[in-house]
Amino acid sequence: MKLKGSFDAKRLRPREPGNWGARLTAALSALLATLGILLAMAGIAGLLGNYDALAELNANHPLAAGLVVFGLALLYLGVRLWRMSRIRLRRSRDLNLSPHLMKRHD
């Protein structure tokens, strides 16, 4: 069978909707993780107590410890959401085959 020059195989596949939601989630979760890192660093600096710019955190150690815990929780949440959104972005490009048809990766 001879193929013509105007044949386009992409027309045979249905067009998938865009993944803008997953991209937006990935971007917001990266910002959330960055905010968590910054809050945790500020809390640790307040616990060390050597910085004049953080006078309120130097005097209030429970506030600084709470800031560290909150920052680490935001970091964990941001990384978790980022990984989930990256999986969702990559899943649309995979083949829809049954697991028993795939090759084993031992």
C-alpha atoms as a PDB file:
ATOM      1  CA  MET A   1       0.000   0.000   0.000  1.00  0.00           C
ATOM      2  CA  LYS A   2       1.370   3.338  -1.001  1.00  0.00           C
ATOM      3  CA  LEU A   3       1.149   6.305   1.390  1.00  0.00           C
ATOM      4  CA  LYS A   4       0.483   9.750   0.056  1.00  0.00           C
ATOM      5  CA  GLY A   5       2.539  12.745   1.159  1.00  0.00           C
ATOM      6  CA  SER A   6      -0.439  14.380   2.862  1.00  0.00           C
ATOM      7  CA  PHE A   7      -1.043  11.495   5.275  1.00  0.00           C
ATOM      8  CA  ASP A   8      -0.889  12.535   8.928  1.00  0.00           C
ATOM      9  CA  ALA A   9      -0.988   9.818  11.590  1.00  0.00           C
ATOM     10  CA  LYS A  10      -1.818  12.341  14.328  1.00  0.00           C
ATOM     11  CA  ARG A  11      -5.303  12.739  12.877  1.00  0.00           C
ATOM     12  CA  LEU A  12      -6.087   9.118  13.716  1.00  0.00           C
ATOM     13  CA  ARG A  13      -5.618   9.614  17.463  1.00  0.00           C
ATOM     14  CA  PRO A  14      -8.202  11.488  19.502  1.00  0.00           C
ATOM     15  CA  ARG A  15      -7.016  14.815  20.850  1.00  0.00           C
ATOM     16  CA  GLU A  16      -6.481  14.819  24.604  1.00  0.00           C
ATOM     17  CA  PRO A  17      -7.559  17.750  26.749  1.00  0.00           C
ATOM     18  CA  GLY A  18      -4.839  20.002  28.125  1.00  0.00           C
ATOM     19  CA  ASN A  19      -3.310  19.400  31.538  1.00  0.00           C
ATOM     20  CA  TRP A  20      -3.386  23.004  32.715  1.00  0.00           C
ATOM     21  CA  GLY A  21      -4.782  21.990  36.093  1.00  0.00           C
ATOM     22  CA  ALA A  22      -1.871  19.665  36.782  1.00  0.00           C
ATOM     23  CA  ARG A  23       0.637  22.280  35.621  1.00  0.00           C
ATOM     24  CA  LEU A  24      -0.917  24.930  37.838  1.00  0.00           C
ATOM     25  CA  THR A  25      -0.934  22.515  40.768  1.00  0.00           C
ATOM     26  CA  ALA A  26       2.755  21.741  40.179  1.00  0.00           C
ATOM     27  CA  ALA A  27       3.638  25.437  40.134  1.00  0.00           C
ATOM     28  CA  LEU A  28       1.632  26.256  43.268  1.00  0.00           C
ATOM     29  CA  SER A  29       3.024  23.274  45.138  1.00  0.00           C
ATOM     30  CA  ALA A  30       6.580  24.343  44.257  1.00  0.00           C
ATOM     31  CA  LEU A  31       5.804  27.780  45.698  1.00  0.00           C
ATOM     32  CA  LEU A  32       4.329  26.120  48.786  1.00  0.00           C
ATOM     33  CA  ALA A  33       7.484  24.055  49.285  1.00  0.00           C
ATOM     34  CA  THR A  34       9.635  27.170  48.869  1.00  0.00           C
ATOM     35  CA  LEU A  35       7.560  29.021  51.460  1.00  0.00           C
ATOM     36  CA  GLY A  36       7.943  26.052  53.805  1.00  0.00           C
ATOM     37  CA  ILE A  37      11.728  26.140  53.448  1.00  0.00           C
ATOM     38  CA  LEU A  38      11.823  29.878  54.143  1.00  0.00           C
ATOM     39  CA  LEU A  39       9.587  29.593  57.211  1.00  0.00           C
ATOM     40  CA  ALA A  40      11.622  26.710  58.596  1.00  0.00           C
ATOM     41  CA  MET A  41      14.848  28.658  58.078  1.00  0.00           C
ATOM     42  CA  ALA A  42      13.386  31.710  59.838  1.00  0.00           C
ATOM     43  CA  GLY A  43      12.262  29.543  62.748  1.00  0.00           C
ATOM     44  CA  ILE A  44      15.695  27.930  63.070  1.00  0.00           C
ATOM     45  CA  ALA A  45      17.325  31.357  62.974  1.00  0.00           C
ATOM     46  CA  GLY A  46      14.947  32.454  65.750  1.00  0.00           C
ATOM     47  CA  LEU A  47      15.847  29.416  67.837  1.00  0.00           C
ATOM     48  CA  LEU A  48      19.549  30.153  67.447  1.00  0.00           C
ATOM     49  CA  GLY A  49      18.888  33.685  68.681  1.00  0.00           C
ATOM     50  CA  ASN A  50      21.870  35.486  67.187  1.00  0.00           C
ATOM     51  CA  TYR A  51      20.105  37.831  64.766  1.00  0.00           C
ATOM     52  CA  ASP A  52      18.894  41.314  65.698  1.00  0.00           C
ATOM     53  CA  ALA A  53      16.438  41.444  62.802  1.00  0.00           C
ATOM     54  CA  LEU A  54      14.448  38.597  64.363  1.00  0.00           C
ATOM     55  CA  ALA A  55      14.066  40.141  67.826  1.00  0.00           C
ATOM     56  CA  GLU A  56      10.513  38.810  68.302  1.00  0.00           C
ATOM     57  CA  LEU A  57      11.523  35.249  67.407  1.00  0.00           C
ATOM     58  CA  ASN A  58      14.654  35.455  69.564  1.00  0.00           C
ATOM     59  CA  ALA A  59      12.575  36.282  72.630  1.00  0.00           C
ATOM     60  CA  ASN A  60       9.760  33.810  71.959  1.00  0.00           C
ATOM     61  CA  HIS A  61      11.163  30.288  71.544  1.00  0.00           C
ATOM     62  CA  PRO A  62       7.767  28.496  71.329  1.00  0.00           C
ATOM     63  CA  LEU A  63       6.835  30.788  68.424  1.00  0.00           C
ATOM     64  CA  ALA A  64      10.112  29.974  66.663  1.00  0.00           C
ATOM     65  CA  ALA A  65       9.631  26.237  67.228  1.00  0.00           C
ATOM     66  CA  GLY A  66       6.081  26.457  65.904  1.00  0.00           C
ATOM     67  CA  LEU A  67       7.388  28.282  62.849  1.00  0.00           C
ATOM     68  CA  VAL A  68       9.896  25.474  62.226  1.00  0.00           C
ATOM     69  CA  VAL A  69       7.193  22.803  62.524  1.00  0.00           C
ATOM     70  CA  PHE A  70       4.777  24.747  60.304  1.00  0.00           C
ATOM     71  CA  GLY A  71       7.503  25.352  57.716  1.00  0.00           C
ATOM     72  CA  LEU A  72       8.447  21.669  57.613  1.00  0.00           C
ATOM     73  CA  ALA A  73       4.772  20.713  57.272  1.00  0.00           C
ATOM     74  CA  LEU A  74       4.396  23.122  54.340  1.00  0.00           C
ATOM     75  CA  LEU A  75       7.551  21.709  52.773  1.00  0.00           C
ATOM     76  CA  TYR A  76       6.233  18.151  53.078  1.00  0.00           C
ATOM     77  CA  LEU A  77       2.833  19.123  51.680  1.00  0.00           C
ATOM     78  CA  GLY A  78       4.386  21.031  48.784  1.00  0.00           C
ATOM     79  CA  VAL A  79       6.693  18.169  47.790  1.00  0.00           C
ATOM     80  CA  ARG A  80       3.853  15.655  48.076  1.00  0.00           C
ATOM     81  CA  LEU A  81       1.519  17.733  45.888  1.00  0.00           C
ATOM     82  CA  TRP A  82       4.302  18.383  43.370  1.00  0.00           C
ATOM     83  CA  ARG A  83       5.030  14.673  43.015  1.00  0.00           C
ATOM     84  CA  MET A  84       1.339  13.837  42.603  1.00  0.00           C
ATOM     85  CA  SER A  85       0.896  16.478  39.913  1.00  0.00           C
ATOM     86  CA  ARG A  86       4.020  15.297  38.065  1.00  0.00           C
ATOM     87  CA  ILE A  87       2.668  11.743  38.075  1.00  0.00           C
ATOM     88  CA  ARG A  88      -0.637  13.031  36.717  1.00  0.00           C
ATOM     89  CA  LEU A  89       1.143  14.964  33.971  1.00  0.00           C
ATOM     90  CA  ARG A  90       3.160  11.936  32.862  1.00  0.00           C
ATOM     91  CA  ARG A  91       0.332   9.428  33.100  1.00  0.00           C
ATOM     92  CA  SER A  92      -1.482  10.855  30.074  1.00  0.00           C
ATOM     93  CA  ARG A  93       1.437   9.921  27.784  1.00  0.00           C
ATOM     94  CA  ASP A  94       1.590   6.279  28.890  1.00  0.00           C
ATOM     95  CA  LEU A  95       0.108   3.396  26.976  1.00  0.00           C
ATOM     96  CA  ASN A  96      -3.125   1.996  28.295  1.00  0.00           C
ATOM     97  CA  LEU A  97      -2.022  -1.629  28.521  1.00  0.00           C
ATOM     98  CA  SER A  98      -2.854  -4.196  31.126  1.00  0.00           C
ATOM     99  CA  PRO A  99      -0.039  -4.787  33.640  1.00  0.00           C
ATOM    100  CA  HIS A 100       0.348  -8.431  32.635  1.00  0.00           C
ATOM    101  CA  LEU A 101       1.076  -7.389  29.029  1.00  0.00           C
ATOM    102  CA  MET A 102       3.992  -5.163  30.022  1.00  0.00           C
ATOM    103  CA  LYS A 103       7.549  -6.457  30.257  1.00  0.00           C
ATOM    104  CA  ARG A 104       8.825  -7.193  33.721  1.00  0.00           C
ATOM    105  CA  HIS A 105      11.577  -4.988  35.091  1.00  0.00           C
ATOM    106  CA  ASP A 106      13.311  -7.332  37.542  1.00  0.00           C
END
